[in-house]
Amino acid sequence: MNLTTNARMATLAAATERHLEDALAYFLELRLRCRGNPEAMALVDRCLALLARAQSADQRDLQQLEVEIEALRAELVERLGPPPNSVLH
């Protein structure tokens, strides 16, 4: 690998780490807001577990995580209905 490739990989790794840290902070805050609701806390705990596994996942592990995330998404759609259409500004 050359220096340019190494620099790109380092930049990508740093961005990914920031996204994981942001997601961790979000789920920890969400868990605090869910206190008193065991079902909601269990759901947030599942998300935290997936996030923790993603931090050290290799390519094969990431593929398995994608399967588990899709199963979680399908469960949420079944329980709560499809997400509403969002308008982003």
C-alpha atoms as a PDB file:
ATOM      1  CA  MET A   1       0.000   0.000   0.000  1.00  0.00           C
ATOM      2  CA  ASN A   2       1.124   3.480  -0.655  1.00  0.00           C
ATOM      3  CA  LEU A   3       0.809   6.508   1.608  1.00  0.00           C
ATOM      4  CA  THR A   4      -2.318   7.783  -0.149  1.00  0.00           C
ATOM      5  CA  THR A   5      -4.118   4.474   0.361  1.00  0.00           C
ATOM      6  CA  ASN A   6      -3.014   4.353   3.989  1.00  0.00           C
ATOM      7  CA  ALA A   7      -4.231   7.921   4.542  1.00  0.00           C
ATOM      8  CA  ARG A   8      -7.630   7.096   3.011  1.00  0.00           C
ATOM      9  CA  MET A   9      -7.962   4.000   5.160  1.00  0.00           C
ATOM     10  CA  ALA A  10      -7.049   5.977   8.277  1.00  0.00           C
ATOM     11  CA  THR A  11      -9.612   8.660   7.411  1.00  0.00           C
ATOM     12  CA  LEU A  12     -12.306   6.040   6.826  1.00  0.00           C
ATOM     13  CA  ALA A  13     -11.446   4.276  10.087  1.00  0.00           C
ATOM     14  CA  ALA A  14     -11.612   7.557  12.020  1.00  0.00           C
ATOM     15  CA  ALA A  15     -15.001   8.424  10.487  1.00  0.00           C
ATOM     16  CA  THR A  16     -16.339   4.968  11.268  1.00  0.00           C
ATOM     17  CA  GLU A  17     -15.113   5.234  14.849  1.00  0.00           C
ATOM     18  CA  ARG A  18     -16.875   8.606  15.222  1.00  0.00           C
ATOM     19  CA  HIS A  19     -20.121   7.112  13.883  1.00  0.00           C
ATOM     20  CA  LEU A  20     -19.867   4.212  16.321  1.00  0.00           C
ATOM     21  CA  GLU A  21     -19.200   6.597  19.209  1.00  0.00           C
ATOM     22  CA  ASP A  22     -22.190   8.742  18.192  1.00  0.00           C
ATOM     23  CA  ALA A  23     -24.401   5.664  17.991  1.00  0.00           C
ATOM     24  CA  LEU A  24     -23.180   4.473  21.389  1.00  0.00           C
ATOM     25  CA  ALA A  25     -23.981   7.843  22.963  1.00  0.00           C
ATOM     26  CA  TYR A  26     -27.426   7.822  21.343  1.00  0.00           C
ATOM     27  CA  PHE A  27     -28.293   4.334  22.587  1.00  0.00           C
ATOM     28  CA  LEU A  28     -27.017   5.036  26.092  1.00  0.00           C
ATOM     29  CA  GLU A  29     -29.162   8.178  26.242  1.00  0.00           C
ATOM     30  CA  LEU A  30     -32.115   6.244  24.846  1.00  0.00           C
ATOM     31  CA  ARG A  31     -31.619   3.550  27.474  1.00  0.00           C
ATOM     32  CA  LEU A  32     -31.835   6.168  30.216  1.00  0.00           C
ATOM     33  CA  ARG A  33     -35.056   7.507  28.731  1.00  0.00           C
ATOM     34  CA  CYS A  34     -36.498   3.966  28.612  1.00  0.00           C
ATOM     35  CA  ARG A  35     -36.039   3.305  32.320  1.00  0.00           C
ATOM     36  CA  GLY A  36     -39.163   1.726  33.713  1.00  0.00           C
ATOM     37  CA  ASN A  37     -40.037   0.087  30.393  1.00  0.00           C
ATOM     38  CA  PRO A  38     -38.364  -3.343  30.388  1.00  0.00           C
ATOM     39  CA  GLU A  39     -39.442  -4.154  26.829  1.00  0.00           C
ATOM     40  CA  ALA A  40     -37.957  -0.930  25.453  1.00  0.00           C
ATOM     41  CA  MET A  41     -34.769  -1.392  27.494  1.00  0.00           C
ATOM     42  CA  ALA A  42     -34.381  -4.926  26.134  1.00  0.00           C
ATOM     43  CA  LEU A  43     -34.670  -3.572  22.596  1.00  0.00           C
ATOM     44  CA  VAL A  44     -32.062  -0.876  23.255  1.00  0.00           C
ATOM     45  CA  ASP A  45     -29.814  -3.504  24.856  1.00  0.00           C
ATOM     46  CA  ARG A  46     -30.035  -5.574  21.663  1.00  0.00           C
ATOM     47  CA  CYS A  47     -28.944  -2.519  19.682  1.00  0.00           C
ATOM     48  CA  LEU A  48     -26.064  -1.882  22.084  1.00  0.00           C
ATOM     49  CA  ALA A  49     -24.945  -5.497  21.753  1.00  0.00           C
ATOM     50  CA  LEU A  50     -24.951  -5.231  17.954  1.00  0.00           C
ATOM     51  CA  LEU A  51     -23.004  -1.999  18.161  1.00  0.00           C
ATOM     52  CA  ALA A  52     -20.417  -3.524  20.491  1.00  0.00           C
ATOM     53  CA  ARG A  53     -19.937  -6.448  18.114  1.00  0.00           C
ATOM     54  CA  ALA A  54     -19.612  -4.075  15.143  1.00  0.00           C
ATOM     55  CA  GLN A  55     -16.660  -2.274  16.722  1.00  0.00           C
ATOM     56  CA  SER A  56     -14.384  -5.276  16.311  1.00  0.00           C
ATOM     57  CA  ALA A  57     -16.103  -7.075  13.439  1.00  0.00           C
ATOM     58  CA  ASP A  58     -14.330  -8.437  10.414  1.00  0.00           C
ATOM     59  CA  GLN A  59     -16.031  -8.763   7.014  1.00  0.00           C
ATOM     60  CA  ARG A  60     -17.707 -12.088   7.860  1.00  0.00           C
ATOM     61  CA  ASP A  61     -18.952 -10.742  11.186  1.00  0.00           C
ATOM     62  CA  LEU A  62     -20.309  -7.623   9.474  1.00  0.00           C
ATOM     63  CA  GLN A  63     -22.341  -9.798   7.117  1.00  0.00           C
ATOM     64  CA  GLN A  64     -23.831 -11.646  10.094  1.00  0.00           C
ATOM     65  CA  LEU A  65     -24.567  -8.338  11.815  1.00  0.00           C
ATOM     66  CA  GLU A  66     -26.396  -7.139   8.700  1.00  0.00           C
ATOM     67  CA  VAL A  67     -28.626 -10.231   8.895  1.00  0.00           C
ATOM     68  CA  GLU A  68     -29.354  -9.565  12.571  1.00  0.00           C
ATOM     69  CA  ILE A  69     -30.031  -5.875  11.955  1.00  0.00           C
ATOM     70  CA  GLU A  70     -32.452  -6.751   9.165  1.00  0.00           C
ATOM     71  CA  ALA A  71     -34.248  -9.174  11.525  1.00  0.00           C
ATOM     72  CA  LEU A  72     -34.479  -6.422  14.140  1.00  0.00           C
ATOM     73  CA  ARG A  73     -35.807  -3.986  11.522  1.00  0.00           C
ATOM     74  CA  ALA A  74     -38.458  -6.490  10.429  1.00  0.00           C
ATOM     75  CA  GLU A  75     -39.472  -7.077  14.059  1.00  0.00           C
ATOM     76  CA  LEU A  76     -39.842  -3.332  14.627  1.00  0.00           C
ATOM     77  CA  VAL A  77     -41.941  -2.930  11.485  1.00  0.00           C
ATOM     78  CA  GLU A  78     -44.158  -5.800  12.642  1.00  0.00           C
ATOM     79  CA  ARG A  79     -44.543  -4.332  16.137  1.00  0.00           C
ATOM     80  CA  LEU A  80     -44.758  -0.641  15.301  1.00  0.00           C
ATOM     81  CA  GLY A  81     -45.663  -0.497  11.631  1.00  0.00           C
ATOM     82  CA  PRO A  82     -43.531   0.914   8.844  1.00  0.00           C
ATOM     83  CA  PRO A  83     -41.665   4.139   9.519  1.00  0.00           C
ATOM     84  CA  PRO A  84     -43.496   7.233   8.345  1.00  0.00           C
ATOM     85  CA  ASN A  85     -42.234   8.986   5.258  1.00  0.00           C
ATOM     86  CA  SER A  86     -39.771  11.611   6.334  1.00  0.00           C
ATOM     87  CA  VAL A  87     -39.065  14.935   4.748  1.00  0.00           C
ATOM     88  CA  LEU A  88     -35.490  16.077   5.247  1.00  0.00           C
ATOM     89  CA  HIS A  89     -34.603  19.744   4.972  1.00  0.00           C
END
